[in-house]
PDB file of N, CA and C in Angstrom:
ATOM      1  N   MET A   1      47.252 -41.558-151.865  1.00  0.00           N
ATOM      2  CA  MET A   1      46.617 -42.768-151.391  1.00  0.00           C
ATOM      3  C   MET A   1      47.033 -43.929-152.284  1.00  0.00           C
ATOM      4  N   THR A   2      47.028 -45.091-151.702  1.00  0.00           N
ATOM      5  CA  THR A   2      47.412 -46.289-152.444  1.00  0.00           C
ATOM      6  C   THR A   2      46.555 -47.456-151.974  1.00  0.00           C
ATOM      7  N   ILE A   3      46.826 -48.626-152.500  1.00  0.00           N
ATOM      8  CA  ILE A   3      46.021 -49.789-152.133  1.00  0.00           C
ATOM      9  C   ILE A   3      46.349 -50.245-150.711  1.00  0.00           C
ATOM     10  N   ALA A   4      45.401 -50.914-150.094  1.00  0.00           N
ATOM     11  CA  ALA A   4      45.587 -51.431-148.743  1.00  0.00           C
ATOM     12  C   ALA A   4      46.616 -52.561-148.747  1.00  0.00           C
ATOM     13  N   ASN A   5      47.332 -52.701-147.648  1.00  0.00           N
ATOM     14  CA  ASN A   5      48.358 -53.739-147.544  1.00  0.00           C
ATOM     15  C   ASN A   5      47.843 -55.144-147.836  1.00  0.00           C
ATOM     16  N   PRO A   6      46.654 -55.537-147.362  1.00  0.00           N
ATOM     17  CA  PRO A   6      46.178 -56.887-147.692  1.00  0.00           C
ATOM     18  C   PRO A   6      45.993 -57.101-149.198  1.00  0.00           C
ATOM     19  N   ILE A   7      45.572 -56.069-149.920  1.00  0.00           N
ATOM     20  CA  ILE A   7      45.414 -56.186-151.373  1.00  0.00           C
ATOM     21  C   ILE A   7      46.785 -56.302-152.030  1.00  0.00           C
ATOM     22  N   ALA A   8      47.736 -55.490-151.588  1.00  0.00           N
ATOM     23  CA  ALA A   8      49.096 -55.569-152.130  1.00  0.00           C
ATOM     24  C   ALA A   8      49.675 -56.961-151.907  1.00  0.00           C
ATOM     25  N   ARG A   9      49.495 -57.497-150.722  1.00  0.00           N
ATOM     26  CA  ARG A   9      50.013 -58.840-150.409  1.00  0.00           C
ATOM     27  C   ARG A   9      49.347 -59.895-151.288  1.00  0.00           C
ATOM     28  N   PHE A  10      48.029 -59.791-151.475  1.00  0.00           N
ATOM     29  CA  PHE A  10      47.313 -60.732-152.339  1.00  0.00           C
ATOM     30  C   PHE A  10      47.879 -60.688-153.757  1.00  0.00           C
ATOM     31  N   LEU A  11      48.081 -59.491-154.293  1.00  0.00           N
ATOM     32  CA  LEU A  11      48.609 -59.361-155.649  1.00  0.00           C
ATOM     33  C   LEU A  11      50.031 -59.907-155.742  1.00  0.00           C
ATOM     34  N   GLU A  12      50.849 -59.642-154.728  1.00  0.00           N
ATOM     35  CA  GLU A  12      52.213 -60.179-154.701  1.00  0.00           C
ATOM     36  C   GLU A  12      52.200 -61.699-154.680  1.00  0.00           C
ATOM     37  N   ASP A  13      51.391 -62.268-153.802  1.00  0.00           N
ATOM     38  CA  ASP A  13      51.354 -63.721-153.626  1.00  0.00           C
ATOM     39  C   ASP A  13      50.722 -64.454-154.801  1.00  0.00           C
ATOM     40  N   ASN A  14      49.908 -63.770-155.590  1.00  0.00           N
ATOM     41  CA  ASN A  14      49.153 -64.433-156.655  1.00  0.00           C
ATOM     42  C   ASN A  14      49.452 -63.896-158.047  1.00  0.00           C
ATOM     43  N   SER A  15      50.589 -63.236-158.217  1.00  0.00           N
ATOM     44  CA  SER A  15      50.886 -62.619-159.514  1.00  0.00           C
ATOM     45  C   SER A  15      50.943 -63.649-160.634  1.00  0.00           C
ATOM     46  N   GLU A  16      51.477 -64.840-160.367  1.00  0.00           N
ATOM     47  CA  GLU A  16      51.515 -65.872-161.414  1.00  0.00           C
ATOM     48  C   GLU A  16      50.112 -66.329-161.786  1.00  0.00           C
ATOM     49  N   GLU A  17      49.273 -66.569-160.784  1.00  0.00           N
ATOM     50  CA  GLU A  17      47.910 -67.017-161.043  1.00  0.00           C
ATOM     51  C   GLU A  17      47.086 -65.954-161.761  1.00  0.00           C
ATOM     52  N   LEU A  18      47.410 -64.691-161.541  1.00  0.00           N
ATOM     53  CA  LEU A  18      46.681 -63.590-162.169  1.00  0.00           C
ATOM     54  C   LEU A  18      47.225 -63.235-163.552  1.00  0.00           C
ATOM     55  N   SER A  19      48.328 -63.847-163.936  1.00  0.00           N
ATOM     56  CA  SER A  19      48.927 -63.578-165.245  1.00  0.00           C
ATOM     57  C   SER A  19      47.917 -63.864-166.353  1.00  0.00           C
ATOM     58  N   GLY A  20      47.765 -62.914-167.255  1.00  0.00           N
ATOM     59  CA  GLY A  20      46.842 -63.075-168.372  1.00  0.00           C
ATOM     60  C   GLY A  20      45.398 -62.730-168.059  1.00  0.00           C
ATOM     61  N   THR A  21      45.123 -62.345-166.825  1.00  0.00           N
ATOM     62  CA  THR A  21      43.754 -61.985-166.452  1.00  0.00           C
ATOM     63  C   THR A  21      43.570 -60.470-166.534  1.00  0.00           C
ATOM     64  N   SER A  22      42.337 -60.039-166.425  1.00  0.00           N
ATOM     65  CA  SER A  22      42.012 -58.614-166.368  1.00  0.00           C
ATOM     66  C   SER A  22      41.631 -58.259-164.942  1.00  0.00           C
ATOM     67  N   ILE A  23      42.108 -57.128-164.476  1.00  0.00           N
ATOM     68  CA  ILE A  23      41.810 -56.660-163.124  1.00  0.00           C
ATOM     69  C   ILE A  23      41.062 -55.337-163.225  1.00  0.00           C
ATOM     70  N   ALA A  24      39.890 -55.285-162.610  1.00  0.00           N
ATOM     71  CA  ALA A  24      39.082 -54.068-162.552  1.00  0.00           C
ATOM     72  C   ALA A  24      39.034 -53.631-161.094  1.00  0.00           C
ATOM     73  N   ALA A  25      39.778 -52.605-160.754  1.00  0.00           N
ATOM     74  CA  ALA A  25      39.873 -52.157-159.371  1.00  0.00           C
ATOM     75  C   ALA A  25      38.788 -51.133-159.054  1.00  0.00           C
ATOM     76  N   PHE A  26      38.297 -51.191-157.829  1.00  0.00           N
ATOM     77  CA  PHE A  26      37.338 -50.198-157.350  1.00  0.00           C
ATOM     78  C   PHE A  26      37.692 -49.845-155.914  1.00  0.00           C
ATOM     79  N   SER A  27      37.361 -48.627-155.519  1.00  0.00           N
ATOM     80  CA  SER A  27      37.709 -48.201-154.173  1.00  0.00           C
ATOM     81  C   SER A  27      36.846 -47.025-153.744  1.00  0.00           C
ATOM     82  N   THR A  28      36.874 -46.780-152.438  1.00  0.00           N
ATOM     83  CA  THR A  28      36.318 -45.553-151.894  1.00  0.00           C
ATOM     84  C   THR A  28      37.495 -44.671-151.502  1.00  0.00           C
ATOM     85  N   ASN A  29      37.234 -43.385-151.352  1.00  0.00           N
ATOM     86  CA  ASN A  29      38.303 -42.471-150.962  1.00  0.00           C
ATOM     87  C   ASN A  29      37.709 -41.336-150.140  1.00  0.00           C
ATOM     88  N   ALA A  30      38.584 -40.578-149.519  1.00  0.00           N
ATOM     89  CA  ALA A  30      38.156 -39.465-148.674  1.00  0.00           C
ATOM     90  C   ALA A  30      38.274 -38.131-149.402  1.00  0.00           C
ATOM     91  N   GLY A  31      38.194 -38.174-150.723  1.00  0.00           N
ATOM     92  CA  GLY A  31      38.272 -36.952-151.502  1.00  0.00           C
ATOM     93  C   GLY A  31      39.557 -36.806-152.284  1.00  0.00           C
ATOM     94  N   TYR A  32      40.438 -37.785-152.186  1.00  0.00           N
ATOM     95  CA  TYR A  32      41.739 -37.708-152.851  1.00  0.00           C
ATOM     96  C   TYR A  32      41.772 -38.472-154.171  1.00  0.00           C
ATOM     97  N   GLY A  33      40.671 -39.063-154.572  1.00  0.00           N
ATOM     98  CA  GLY A  33      40.671 -39.878-155.784  1.00  0.00           C
ATOM     99  C   GLY A  33      41.410 -41.180-155.550  1.00  0.00           C
ATOM    100  N   ASP A  34      41.861 -41.800-156.638  1.00  0.00           N
ATOM    101  CA  ASP A  34      42.511 -43.107-156.494  1.00  0.00           C
ATOM    102  C   ASP A  34      44.003 -43.004-156.206  1.00  0.00           C
ATOM    103  N   GLY A  35      44.547 -41.805-156.172  1.00  0.00           N
ATOM    104  CA  GLY A  35      45.960 -41.638-155.844  1.00  0.00           C
ATOM    105  C   GLY A  35      46.850 -42.477-156.742  1.00  0.00           C
ATOM    106  N   SER A  36      47.720 -43.270-156.130  1.00  0.00           N
ATOM    107  CA  SER A  36      48.642 -44.120-156.885  1.00  0.00           C
ATOM    108  C   SER A  36      48.183 -45.572-156.938  1.00  0.00           C
ATOM    109  N   SER A  37      46.918 -45.811-156.638  1.00  0.00           N
ATOM    110  CA  SER A  37      46.412 -47.187-156.574  1.00  0.00           C
ATOM    111  C   SER A  37      46.609 -47.952-157.876  1.00  0.00           C
ATOM    112  N   VAL A  38      46.241 -47.349-158.997  1.00  0.00           N
ATOM    113  CA  VAL A  38      46.351 -48.045-160.280  1.00  0.00           C
ATOM    114  C   VAL A  38      47.815 -48.321-160.606  1.00  0.00           C
ATOM    115  N   ASP A  39      48.691 -47.363-160.328  1.00  0.00           N
ATOM    116  CA  ASP A  39      50.120 -47.580-160.568  1.00  0.00           C
ATOM    117  C   ASP A  39      50.640 -48.747-159.738  1.00  0.00           C
ATOM    118  N   ARG A  40      50.211 -48.823-158.492  1.00  0.00           N
ATOM    119  CA  ARG A  40      50.673 -49.907-157.600  1.00  0.00           C
ATOM    120  C   ARG A  40      50.130 -51.253-158.062  1.00  0.00           C
ATOM    121  N   ILE A  41      48.870 -51.309-158.463  1.00  0.00           N
ATOM    122  CA  ILE A  41      48.293 -52.557-158.968  1.00  0.00           C
ATOM    123  C   ILE A  41      49.033 -52.991-160.232  1.00  0.00           C
ATOM    124  N   THR A  42      49.321 -52.044-161.110  1.00  0.00           N
ATOM    125  CA  THR A  42      50.055 -52.344-162.341  1.00  0.00           C
ATOM    126  C   THR A  42      51.446 -52.881-162.018  1.00  0.00           C
ATOM    127  N   GLU A  43      52.096 -52.285-161.045  1.00  0.00           N
ATOM    128  CA  GLU A  43      53.431 -52.721-160.625  1.00  0.00           C
ATOM    129  C   GLU A  43      53.405 -54.149-160.079  1.00  0.00           C
ATOM    130  N   LEU A  44      52.382 -54.463-159.295  1.00  0.00           N
ATOM    131  CA  LEU A  44      52.300 -55.779-158.655  1.00  0.00           C
ATOM    132  C   LEU A  44      51.708 -56.853-159.558  1.00  0.00           C
ATOM    133  N   SER A  45      51.105 -56.450-160.668  1.00  0.00           N
ATOM    134  CA  SER A  45      50.453 -57.392-161.588  1.00  0.00           C
ATOM    135  C   SER A  45      50.924 -57.116-163.017  1.00  0.00           C
ATOM    136  N   PRO A  46      52.223 -57.262-163.271  1.00  0.00           N
ATOM    137  CA  PRO A  46      52.767 -56.847-164.568  1.00  0.00           C
ATOM    138  C   PRO A  46      52.241 -57.635-165.762  1.00  0.00           C
ATOM    139  N   ASP A  47      51.762 -58.841-165.536  1.00  0.00           N
ATOM    140  CA  ASP A  47      51.284 -59.670-166.644  1.00  0.00           C
ATOM    141  C   ASP A  47      49.766 -59.715-166.733  1.00  0.00           C
ATOM    142  N   SER A  48      49.101 -58.798-166.049  1.00  0.00           N
ATOM    143  CA  SER A  48      47.645 -58.686-166.096  1.00  0.00           C
ATOM    144  C   SER A  48      47.270 -57.424-166.864  1.00  0.00           C
ATOM    145  N   THR A  49      46.065 -57.423-167.394  1.00  0.00           N
ATOM    146  CA  THR A  49      45.524 -56.222-168.027  1.00  0.00           C
ATOM    147  C   THR A  49      44.769 -55.447-166.956  1.00  0.00           C
ATOM    148  N   ILE A  50      45.166 -54.214-166.724  1.00  0.00           N
ATOM    149  CA  ILE A  50      44.519 -53.396-165.705  1.00  0.00           C
ATOM    150  C   ILE A  50      43.469 -52.536-166.407  1.00  0.00           C
ATOM    151  N   LEU A  51      42.211 -52.804-166.101  1.00  0.00           N
ATOM    152  CA  LEU A  51      41.098 -52.081-166.712  1.00  0.00           C
ATOM    153  C   LEU A  51      40.885 -50.749-166.005  1.00  0.00           C
ATOM    154  N   GLU A  52      40.041 -49.907-166.595  1.00  0.00           N
ATOM    155  CA  GLU A  52      39.723 -48.621-165.975  1.00  0.00           C
ATOM    156  C   GLU A  52      39.173 -48.856-164.571  1.00  0.00           C
ATOM    157  N   ASN A  53      39.701 -48.107-163.613  1.00  0.00           N
ATOM    158  CA  ASN A  53      39.254 -48.279-162.236  1.00  0.00           C
ATOM    159  C   ASN A  53      38.036 -47.411-161.934  1.00  0.00           C
ATOM    160  N   TYR A  54      37.404 -47.701-160.817  1.00  0.00           N
ATOM    161  CA  TYR A  54      36.270 -46.904-160.337  1.00  0.00           C
ATOM    162  C   TYR A  54      36.571 -46.502-158.905  1.00  0.00           C
ATOM    163  N   THR A  55      36.429 -45.229-158.611  1.00  0.00           N
ATOM    164  CA  THR A  55      36.594 -44.758-157.243  1.00  0.00           C
ATOM    165  C   THR A  55      35.475 -43.772-156.924  1.00  0.00           C
ATOM    166  N   VAL A  56      35.058 -43.780-155.686  1.00  0.00           N
ATOM    167  CA  VAL A  56      33.970 -42.913-155.247  1.00  0.00           C
ATOM    168  C   VAL A  56      34.303 -42.405-153.844  1.00  0.00           C
ATOM    169  N   GLN A  57      33.917 -41.160-153.566  1.00  0.00           N
ATOM    170  CA  GLN A  57      34.136 -40.625-152.227  1.00  0.00           C
ATOM    171  C   GLN A  57      33.271 -41.376-151.226  1.00  0.00           C
ATOM    172  N   ASP A  58      33.814 -41.550-150.032  1.00  0.00           N
ATOM    173  CA  ASP A  58      33.145 -42.321-148.981  1.00  0.00           C
ATOM    174  C   ASP A  58      31.679 -41.951-148.807  1.00  0.00           C
ATOM    175  N   GLU A  59      31.405 -40.644-148.688  1.00  0.00           N
ATOM    176  CA  GLU A  59      30.037 -40.218-148.387  1.00  0.00           C
ATOM    177  C   GLU A  59      29.072 -40.446-149.546  1.00  0.00           C
ATOM    178  N   GLU A  60      29.583 -40.728-150.734  1.00  0.00           N
ATOM    179  CA  GLU A  60      28.729 -40.978-151.893  1.00  0.00           C
ATOM    180  C   GLU A  60      28.586 -42.468-152.213  1.00  0.00           C
ATOM    181  N   ALA A  61      29.297 -43.304-151.494  1.00  0.00           N
ATOM    182  CA  ALA A  61      29.340 -44.734-151.819  1.00  0.00           C
ATOM    183  C   ALA A  61      27.963 -45.396-151.772  1.00  0.00           C
ATOM    184  N   MET A  62      27.155 -45.053-150.795  1.00  0.00           N
ATOM    185  CA  MET A  62      25.852 -45.701-150.648  1.00  0.00           C
ATOM    186  C   MET A  62      24.895 -45.352-151.785  1.00  0.00           C
ATOM    187  N   ASP A  63      25.153 -44.256-152.487  1.00  0.00           N
ATOM    188  CA  ASP A  63      24.277 -43.813-153.573  1.00  0.00           C
ATOM    189  C   ASP A  63      24.899 -44.019-154.951  1.00  0.00           C
ATOM    190  N   SER A  64      25.876 -44.906-155.056  1.00  0.00           N
ATOM    191  CA  SER A  64      26.621 -45.021-156.313  1.00  0.00           C
ATOM    192  C   SER A  64      26.303 -46.281-157.119  1.00  0.00           C
ATOM    193  N   GLN A  65      25.251 -47.002-156.768  1.00  0.00           N
ATOM    194  CA  GLN A  65      24.951 -48.255-157.458  1.00  0.00           C
ATOM    195  C   GLN A  65      24.798 -48.057-158.968  1.00  0.00           C
ATOM    196  N   ASP A  66      24.078 -47.026-159.392  1.00  0.00           N
ATOM    197  CA  ASP A  66      23.903 -46.787-160.830  1.00  0.00           C
ATOM    198  C   ASP A  66      25.239 -46.515-161.512  1.00  0.00           C
ATOM    199  N   ASP A  67      26.104 -45.747-160.851  1.00  0.00           N
ATOM    200  CA  ASP A  67      27.421 -45.451-161.419  1.00  0.00           C
ATOM    201  C   ASP A  67      28.286 -46.708-161.506  1.00  0.00           C
ATOM    202  N   VAL A  68      28.225 -47.540-160.482  1.00  0.00           N
ATOM    203  CA  VAL A  68      28.994 -48.793-160.495  1.00  0.00           C
ATOM    204  C   VAL A  68      28.502 -49.695-161.620  1.00  0.00           C
ATOM    205  N   GLU A  69      27.196 -49.810-161.765  1.00  0.00           N
ATOM    206  CA  GLU A  69      26.652 -50.640-162.845  1.00  0.00           C
ATOM    207  C   GLU A  69      27.048 -50.096-164.214  1.00  0.00           C
ATOM    208  N   ALA A  70      27.036 -48.773-164.384  1.00  0.00           N
ATOM    209  CA  ALA A  70      27.451 -48.168-165.659  1.00  0.00           C
ATOM    210  C   ALA A  70      28.926 -48.453-165.930  1.00  0.00           C
ATOM    211  N   TRP A  71      29.755 -48.392-164.896  1.00  0.00           N
ATOM    212  CA  TRP A  71      31.187 -48.697-165.027  1.00  0.00           C
ATOM    213  C   TRP A  71      31.386 -50.149-165.448  1.00  0.00           C
ATOM    214  N   LEU A  72      30.681 -51.050-164.789  1.00  0.00           N
ATOM    215  CA  LEU A  72      30.791 -52.470-165.139  1.00  0.00           C
ATOM    216  C   LEU A  72      30.304 -52.737-166.559  1.00  0.00           C
ATOM    217  N   GLU A  73      29.231 -52.088-166.959  1.00  0.00           N
ATOM    218  CA  GLU A  73      28.732 -52.235-168.334  1.00  0.00           C
ATOM    219  C   GLU A  73      29.753 -51.719-169.335  1.00  0.00           C
ATOM    220  N   GLN A  74      30.349 -50.570-169.040  1.00  0.00           N
ATOM    221  CA  GLN A  74      31.361 -49.988-169.920  1.00  0.00           C
ATOM    222  C   GLN A  74      32.532 -50.950-170.106  1.00  0.00           C
ATOM    223  N   LEU A  75      32.888 -51.671-169.056  1.00  0.00           N
ATOM    224  CA  LEU A  75      33.993 -52.624-169.127  1.00  0.00           C
ATOM    225  C   LEU A  75      33.565 -53.961-169.724  1.00  0.00           C
ATOM    226  N   GLY A  76      32.266 -54.122-169.954  1.00  0.00           N
ATOM    227  CA  GLY A  76      31.766 -55.386-170.481  1.00  0.00           C
ATOM    228  C   GLY A  76      31.711 -56.482-169.435  1.00  0.00           C
ATOM    229  N   LEU A  77      31.571 -56.094-168.172  1.00  0.00           N
ATOM    230  CA  LEU A  77      31.586 -57.056-167.074  1.00  0.00           C
ATOM    231  C   LEU A  77      30.219 -57.305-166.450  1.00  0.00           C
ATOM    232  N   MET A  78      29.196 -56.625-166.939  1.00  0.00           N
ATOM    233  CA  MET A  78      27.848 -56.853-166.409  1.00  0.00           C
ATOM    234  C   MET A  78      27.265 -58.073-167.084  1.00  0.00           C
ATOM    235  N   GLY A  79      26.882 -59.048-166.291  1.00  0.00           N
ATOM    236  CA  GLY A  79      26.269 -60.244-166.842  1.00  0.00           C
ATOM    237  C   GLY A  79      24.839 -59.996-167.264  1.00  0.00           C
ATOM    238  N   GLU A  80      24.346 -60.872-168.086  1.00  0.00           N
ATOM    239  CA  GLU A  80      22.940 -60.800-168.495  1.00  0.00           C
ATOM    240  C   GLU A  80      22.075 -61.215-167.322  1.00  0.00           C
ATOM    241  N   GLU A  81      20.978 -60.518-167.126  1.00  0.00           N
ATOM    242  CA  GLU A  81      20.059 -60.863-166.022  1.00  0.00           C
ATOM    243  C   GLU A  81      19.000 -61.808-166.502  1.00  0.00           C
TER     244      GLU A  81
END
């Protein structure tokens, strides 16, 4: 599995604007994990820092809020409430 074509196109079209930024990718999957998604994002965003990604199986997505929040906290991306 890999990233969707619209995401690939966005990264291609905006690679200069994304230079020097951090990218935290997240996705759902049908049991295959993230496949080559991180490799493809890294390829399309060579001047960005690619952070640890988060992926969850489709049927578990609705119950993953705590896991997503823990992932964001681990990356230092959770804002103060």
